[in-house]
Amino acid sequence: MPTPQPEQPTVPVQLLNWRDGQHFGQPAPCVLRGTTTPLRSHAKEPEHKVRAELRNAAHTGETRFVSDPPKGGPTDHA
């Protein structure tokens, strides 16, 4: 059975920068979807980065999933 695609947000998606090693751990179920991911939010929740970006777009004003602060170089959204 194919996995349903996430609903497209009505506002632009802010890409999260989660390059820091604090955002990786042992694979665990994603808090939003339940599928396994090694990624961690700033609150150490297992979370897929793209799912967090889509949730941020759908819930403007919330700060559950945030980016790492810039380190002074060119920005890319890994």
N, C-alpha and C. Protein backbone atom coordinates (compact mmCIF):
# COMPACT_ATOMS: atom_id res chain seq x y z
N MET A 1 0.85 -1.18 0.00
CA MET A 1 0.00 0.00 0.00
C MET A 1 0.89 1.24 0.00
N PRO A 2 0.71 2.17 -0.95
CA PRO A 2 1.57 3.35 -1.01
C PRO A 2 1.33 4.28 0.17
N THR A 3 2.40 4.95 0.58
CA THR A 3 2.32 5.92 1.68
C THR A 3 1.69 7.19 1.15
N PRO A 4 0.66 7.73 1.84
CA PRO A 4 0.05 8.97 1.36
C PRO A 4 1.05 10.13 1.47
N GLN A 5 0.99 11.01 0.49
CA GLN A 5 1.87 12.17 0.48
C GLN A 5 1.36 13.20 1.48
N PRO A 6 2.30 13.94 2.15
CA PRO A 6 1.86 14.96 3.09
C PRO A 6 1.13 16.09 2.37
N GLU A 7 0.20 16.70 3.06
CA GLU A 7 -0.53 17.83 2.49
C GLU A 7 0.43 18.99 2.27
N GLN A 8 0.31 19.65 1.14
CA GLN A 8 1.19 20.76 0.82
C GLN A 8 0.83 21.99 1.68
N PRO A 9 1.84 22.67 2.25
CA PRO A 9 1.56 23.84 3.08
C PRO A 9 1.08 25.01 2.24
N THR A 10 0.33 25.90 2.87
CA THR A 10 -0.18 27.07 2.18
C THR A 10 0.78 28.26 2.29
N VAL A 11 1.79 28.15 3.15
CA VAL A 11 2.80 29.20 3.29
C VAL A 11 4.15 28.61 2.89
N PRO A 12 5.12 29.47 2.52
CA PRO A 12 6.44 28.94 2.15
C PRO A 12 7.06 28.15 3.29
N VAL A 13 7.79 27.10 2.93
CA VAL A 13 8.44 26.25 3.92
C VAL A 13 9.82 26.82 4.23
N GLN A 14 10.11 27.06 5.52
CA GLN A 14 11.43 27.49 5.97
C GLN A 14 12.26 26.23 6.15
N LEU A 15 13.34 26.12 5.39
CA LEU A 15 14.20 24.95 5.50
C LEU A 15 15.03 25.02 6.78
N LEU A 16 15.06 23.93 7.52
CA LEU A 16 15.80 23.88 8.77
C LEU A 16 17.25 23.48 8.52
N ASN A 17 18.16 24.08 9.25
CA ASN A 17 19.56 23.72 9.21
C ASN A 17 19.85 22.90 10.45
N TRP A 18 19.97 21.60 10.28
CA TRP A 18 20.26 20.69 11.39
C TRP A 18 21.58 19.98 11.14
N ARG A 19 22.64 20.73 10.87
CA ARG A 19 23.95 20.14 10.58
C ARG A 19 24.68 19.67 11.83
N ASP A 20 24.46 20.31 12.94
CA ASP A 20 25.19 19.99 14.17
C ASP A 20 24.97 18.54 14.58
N GLY A 21 26.00 17.92 15.13
CA GLY A 21 25.93 16.53 15.54
C GLY A 21 24.88 16.23 16.59
N GLN A 22 24.41 17.26 17.31
CA GLN A 22 23.36 17.04 18.32
C GLN A 22 22.06 16.53 17.69
N HIS A 23 21.94 16.67 16.38
CA HIS A 23 20.70 16.28 15.70
C HIS A 23 20.71 14.85 15.18
N PHE A 24 21.66 14.05 15.65
CA PHE A 24 21.74 12.66 15.21
C PHE A 24 21.82 11.73 16.42
N GLY A 25 21.17 10.60 16.31
CA GLY A 25 21.19 9.60 17.38
C GLY A 25 20.84 8.25 16.80
N GLN A 26 20.60 7.30 17.68
CA GLN A 26 20.18 5.97 17.25
C GLN A 26 18.81 6.08 16.59
N PRO A 27 18.56 5.34 15.52
CA PRO A 27 17.25 5.39 14.88
C PRO A 27 16.13 5.11 15.89
N ALA A 28 15.10 5.93 15.79
CA ALA A 28 13.93 5.82 16.67
C ALA A 28 12.70 6.29 15.89
N PRO A 29 11.49 5.93 16.35
CA PRO A 29 10.27 6.35 15.64
C PRO A 29 10.08 7.88 15.69
N CYS A 30 9.81 8.46 14.54
CA CYS A 30 9.54 9.89 14.40
C CYS A 30 8.31 10.26 15.23
N VAL A 31 8.37 11.39 15.96
CA VAL A 31 7.25 11.79 16.82
C VAL A 31 6.03 12.24 16.03
N LEU A 32 6.21 12.60 14.76
CA LEU A 32 5.08 13.04 13.95
C LEU A 32 4.53 11.94 13.04
N ARG A 33 5.40 11.03 12.62
CA ARG A 33 4.97 10.04 11.63
C ARG A 33 5.09 8.60 12.11
N GLY A 34 6.04 8.35 13.01
CA GLY A 34 6.20 7.00 13.52
C GLY A 34 7.23 6.17 12.76
N THR A 35 7.68 6.63 11.59
CA THR A 35 8.69 5.91 10.85
C THR A 35 10.07 6.20 11.44
N THR A 36 11.00 5.29 11.28
CA THR A 36 12.31 5.39 11.92
C THR A 36 13.16 6.51 11.32
N THR A 37 13.85 7.26 12.20
CA THR A 37 14.76 8.31 11.77
C THR A 37 15.92 8.45 12.76
N PRO A 38 17.13 8.76 12.26
CA PRO A 38 18.24 9.05 13.17
C PRO A 38 18.28 10.52 13.58
N LEU A 39 17.46 11.37 12.95
CA LEU A 39 17.50 12.80 13.24
C LEU A 39 16.80 13.15 14.55
N ARG A 40 17.29 14.23 15.19
CA ARG A 40 16.71 14.71 16.45
C ARG A 40 16.48 16.22 16.35
N SER A 41 15.36 16.65 16.92
CA SER A 41 15.09 18.08 17.01
C SER A 41 15.96 18.68 18.11
N HIS A 42 15.86 19.98 18.32
CA HIS A 42 16.60 20.63 19.40
C HIS A 42 16.16 20.09 20.77
N ALA A 43 14.92 19.61 20.85
CA ALA A 43 14.41 19.05 22.10
C ALA A 43 14.71 17.55 22.20
N LYS A 44 15.58 17.04 21.31
CA LYS A 44 16.00 15.63 21.28
C LYS A 44 14.89 14.68 20.86
N GLU A 45 13.82 15.19 20.24
CA GLU A 45 12.75 14.34 19.74
C GLU A 45 13.18 13.71 18.42
N PRO A 46 12.95 12.42 18.21
CA PRO A 46 13.22 11.82 16.90
C PRO A 46 12.28 12.47 15.88
N GLU A 47 12.83 13.02 14.82
CA GLU A 47 12.01 13.76 13.87
C GLU A 47 12.68 13.82 12.50
N HIS A 48 11.91 13.58 11.45
CA HIS A 48 12.40 13.80 10.09
C HIS A 48 12.43 15.31 9.84
N LYS A 49 13.52 15.80 9.29
CA LYS A 49 13.68 17.24 9.05
C LYS A 49 12.58 17.78 8.13
N VAL A 50 12.27 17.07 7.06
CA VAL A 50 11.25 17.54 6.12
C VAL A 50 9.88 17.59 6.80
N ARG A 51 9.57 16.60 7.61
CA ARG A 51 8.29 16.61 8.34
C ARG A 51 8.23 17.81 9.28
N ALA A 52 9.34 18.11 9.95
CA ALA A 52 9.39 19.26 10.85
C ALA A 52 9.19 20.56 10.06
N GLU A 53 9.80 20.64 8.87
CA GLU A 53 9.63 21.84 8.04
C GLU A 53 8.18 22.00 7.61
N LEU A 54 7.54 20.90 7.20
CA LEU A 54 6.13 20.96 6.81
C LEU A 54 5.23 21.33 7.99
N ARG A 55 5.53 20.79 9.16
CA ARG A 55 4.74 21.12 10.34
C ARG A 55 4.89 22.59 10.70
N ASN A 56 6.14 23.11 10.63
CA ASN A 56 6.36 24.52 10.90
C ASN A 56 5.53 25.39 9.96
N ALA A 57 5.49 25.03 8.67
CA ALA A 57 4.73 25.80 7.69
C ALA A 57 3.23 25.76 8.00
N ALA A 58 2.76 24.62 8.46
CA ALA A 58 1.33 24.47 8.76
C ALA A 58 0.94 25.08 10.10
N HIS A 59 1.91 25.28 10.99
CA HIS A 59 1.64 25.82 12.33
C HIS A 59 2.51 27.05 12.57
N THR A 60 2.27 28.10 11.80
CA THR A 60 3.09 29.30 11.91
C THR A 60 3.00 29.87 13.33
N GLY A 61 4.10 30.40 13.78
CA GLY A 61 4.14 30.97 15.12
C GLY A 61 4.63 30.01 16.18
N GLU A 62 4.57 28.70 15.92
CA GLU A 62 5.08 27.72 16.87
C GLU A 62 6.59 27.59 16.70
N THR A 63 7.28 27.24 17.76
CA THR A 63 8.74 27.13 17.69
C THR A 63 9.21 25.74 18.13
N ARG A 64 8.39 24.73 17.94
CA ARG A 64 8.77 23.38 18.35
C ARG A 64 10.01 22.90 17.60
N PHE A 65 10.08 23.16 16.30
CA PHE A 65 11.21 22.75 15.48
C PHE A 65 11.90 24.00 14.95
N VAL A 66 13.16 24.18 15.29
CA VAL A 66 13.90 25.38 14.92
C VAL A 66 15.21 25.02 14.25
N SER A 67 15.87 26.02 13.66
CA SER A 67 17.16 25.83 13.00
C SER A 67 18.30 26.06 13.97
N ASP A 68 19.46 25.51 13.62
CA ASP A 68 20.69 25.85 14.32
C ASP A 68 21.02 27.30 14.01
N PRO A 69 21.61 28.03 14.95
CA PRO A 69 22.01 29.41 14.64
C PRO A 69 23.09 29.41 13.56
N PRO A 70 23.10 30.44 12.72
CA PRO A 70 24.13 30.51 11.68
C PRO A 70 25.52 30.58 12.28
N LYS A 71 26.50 30.02 11.58
CA LYS A 71 27.87 30.02 12.06
C LYS A 71 28.73 31.04 11.34
N GLY A 72 28.13 31.92 10.58
CA GLY A 72 28.87 32.99 9.94
C GLY A 72 29.30 32.74 8.52
N GLY A 73 29.13 31.54 8.01
CA GLY A 73 29.49 31.23 6.63
C GLY A 73 28.28 31.28 5.73
N PRO A 74 28.46 30.88 4.49
CA PRO A 74 27.31 30.84 3.59
C PRO A 74 26.27 29.85 4.12
N THR A 75 25.03 30.17 3.94
CA THR A 75 23.99 29.30 4.48
C THR A 75 23.57 28.27 3.44
N ASP A 76 23.49 27.05 3.88
CA ASP A 76 22.87 26.01 3.10
C ASP A 76 22.01 25.23 4.08
N HIS A 77 20.99 24.61 3.58
CA HIS A 77 20.02 23.94 4.44
C HIS A 77 20.16 22.44 4.30
N ALA A 78 21.10 21.90 5.03
CA ALA A 78 21.35 20.47 4.97
C ALA A 78 20.35 19.71 5.78
